[in-house]
Amino acid sequence: MSDILERLHDVLEQRRHADPEDSYVAALHHKGLNKILEKVGEEATETLLAAKDAEGGGDDQRQALVAETADLWFHSLVMLSHLDLDHRQVLDELARRLGVSGHDEKAAR
């Protein structure tokens, strides 16, 4: 899985500075952080709605949830890229939390 994240990271970095007319990612970066955050929010909402449909739903609803989650993750990666962060830092944070009680981790913040 991290191979996919590495490949996607490379593509996002290449397209970040591309011509906004030729690249969706470049167009998002060109429009700025607020537009990127708008897309993350939109995709988060669509993911939540798809999750509601997937509960007790069939294969089509479950696949729709997977597709919406992919959109959310993608736009989250664009957001991180815009802020000069990347998936490795998120994975490191998840690794740090692994094995720590969620209650304990939240109390430590």
Protein backbone atom coordinates (compact mmCIF):
# COMPACT_ATOMS: atom_id res chain seq x y z
CA MET A 1 0.00 0.00 0.00
CA SER A 2 2.75 2.46 0.83
CA ASP A 3 4.03 1.88 -2.72
CA ILE A 4 0.80 3.37 -4.04
CA LEU A 5 1.17 6.30 -1.65
CA GLU A 6 4.76 6.85 -2.79
CA ARG A 7 3.76 6.77 -6.45
CA LEU A 8 0.85 9.10 -5.82
CA HIS A 9 3.11 11.42 -3.85
CA ASP A 10 5.49 11.62 -6.81
CA VAL A 11 2.65 12.37 -9.22
CA LEU A 12 1.21 15.03 -6.92
CA GLU A 13 4.61 16.70 -6.60
CA GLN A 14 5.09 16.74 -10.38
CA ARG A 15 1.63 18.10 -11.05
CA ARG A 16 1.74 20.66 -8.24
CA HIS A 17 3.84 22.96 -10.41
CA ALA A 18 2.32 22.02 -13.76
CA ASP A 19 0.20 24.29 -15.90
CA PRO A 20 -3.22 24.69 -14.24
CA GLU A 21 -4.80 24.36 -17.69
CA ASP A 22 -3.30 20.87 -18.05
CA SER A 23 -3.60 19.44 -14.53
CA TYR A 24 -6.45 19.22 -12.03
CA VAL A 25 -3.92 19.10 -9.16
CA ALA A 26 -2.12 22.18 -10.47
CA ALA A 27 -5.46 23.97 -10.83
CA LEU A 28 -6.32 23.21 -7.20
CA HIS A 29 -2.93 24.50 -6.02
CA HIS A 30 -3.32 27.58 -8.21
CA LYS A 31 -6.74 28.33 -6.67
CA GLY A 32 -5.22 28.13 -3.19
CA LEU A 33 -5.74 26.48 0.14
CA ASN A 34 -9.36 27.56 0.58
CA LYS A 35 -10.39 25.79 -2.65
CA ILE A 36 -8.49 22.68 -1.62
CA LEU A 37 -10.16 22.72 1.80
CA GLU A 38 -13.54 23.16 0.11
CA LYS A 39 -12.85 20.00 -1.90
CA VAL A 40 -11.75 18.09 1.22
CA GLY A 41 -14.97 19.15 2.96
CA GLU A 42 -17.08 18.21 -0.05
CA GLU A 43 -15.46 14.80 -0.28
CA ALA A 44 -15.81 14.25 3.47
CA THR A 45 -19.53 14.95 3.23
CA GLU A 46 -19.91 12.64 0.24
CA THR A 47 -18.01 9.92 2.12
CA LEU A 48 -20.32 10.26 5.12
CA LEU A 49 -23.40 10.01 2.93
CA ALA A 50 -21.98 6.99 1.10
CA ALA A 51 -21.24 5.32 4.45
CA LYS A 52 -24.87 5.78 5.50
CA ASP A 53 -25.97 4.15 2.23
CA ALA A 54 -23.41 1.34 2.58
CA GLU A 55 -24.69 0.27 5.98
CA GLY A 56 -27.02 -2.55 5.11
CA GLY A 57 -26.57 -1.78 1.42
CA GLY A 58 -25.38 -3.99 -1.36
CA ASP A 59 -22.14 -4.23 -3.29
CA ASP A 60 -22.87 -1.08 -5.31
CA GLN A 61 -23.29 1.03 -2.17
CA ARG A 62 -20.16 -0.44 -0.61
CA GLN A 63 -18.17 0.26 -3.80
CA ALA A 64 -19.52 3.82 -3.81
CA LEU A 65 -18.16 4.25 -0.28
CA VAL A 66 -14.75 2.96 -1.38
CA ALA A 67 -14.75 5.42 -4.31
CA GLU A 68 -15.76 8.36 -2.12
CA THR A 69 -13.12 7.45 0.46
CA ALA A 70 -10.52 7.37 -2.32
CA ASP A 71 -11.63 10.87 -3.35
CA LEU A 72 -11.34 12.06 0.26
CA TRP A 73 -7.89 10.57 0.69
CA PHE A 74 -6.74 12.01 -2.64
CA HIS A 75 -7.87 15.53 -1.79
CA SER A 76 -6.38 15.19 1.70
CA LEU A 77 -3.05 14.35 0.06
CA VAL A 78 -3.37 17.44 -2.15
CA MET A 79 -4.03 19.50 0.99
CA LEU A 80 -0.94 18.09 2.71
CA SER A 81 1.14 18.74 -0.41
CA HIS A 82 -0.06 22.34 -0.56
CA LEU A 83 1.14 22.78 3.03
CA ASP A 84 4.51 21.11 2.30
CA LEU A 85 3.59 18.01 4.26
CA ASP A 86 3.17 14.49 2.98
CA HIS A 87 1.70 11.10 3.72
CA ARG A 88 4.86 9.86 5.42
CA GLN A 89 4.29 12.25 8.30
CA VAL A 90 0.73 10.99 8.69
CA LEU A 91 1.92 7.37 8.57
CA ASP A 92 4.57 8.17 11.18
CA GLU A 93 1.90 9.65 13.44
CA LEU A 94 -0.30 6.58 12.99
CA ALA A 95 2.67 4.34 13.77
CA ARG A 96 3.36 6.36 16.92
CA ARG A 97 -0.23 5.83 18.04
CA LEU A 98 -0.28 2.12 17.24
CA GLY A 99 -0.67 0.13 20.43
CA VAL A 100 -1.71 3.19 22.45
CA SER A 101 -5.22 3.25 23.82
CA GLY A 102 -7.34 5.78 21.97
CA HIS A 103 -8.50 7.14 25.30
CA ASP A 104 -4.91 7.54 26.51
CA GLU A 105 -3.78 9.13 23.23
CA LYS A 106 -6.63 11.64 23.28
CA ALA A 107 -5.97 12.52 26.93
CA ALA A 108 -2.30 13.18 26.10
CA ARG A 109 -3.19 15.88 23.54
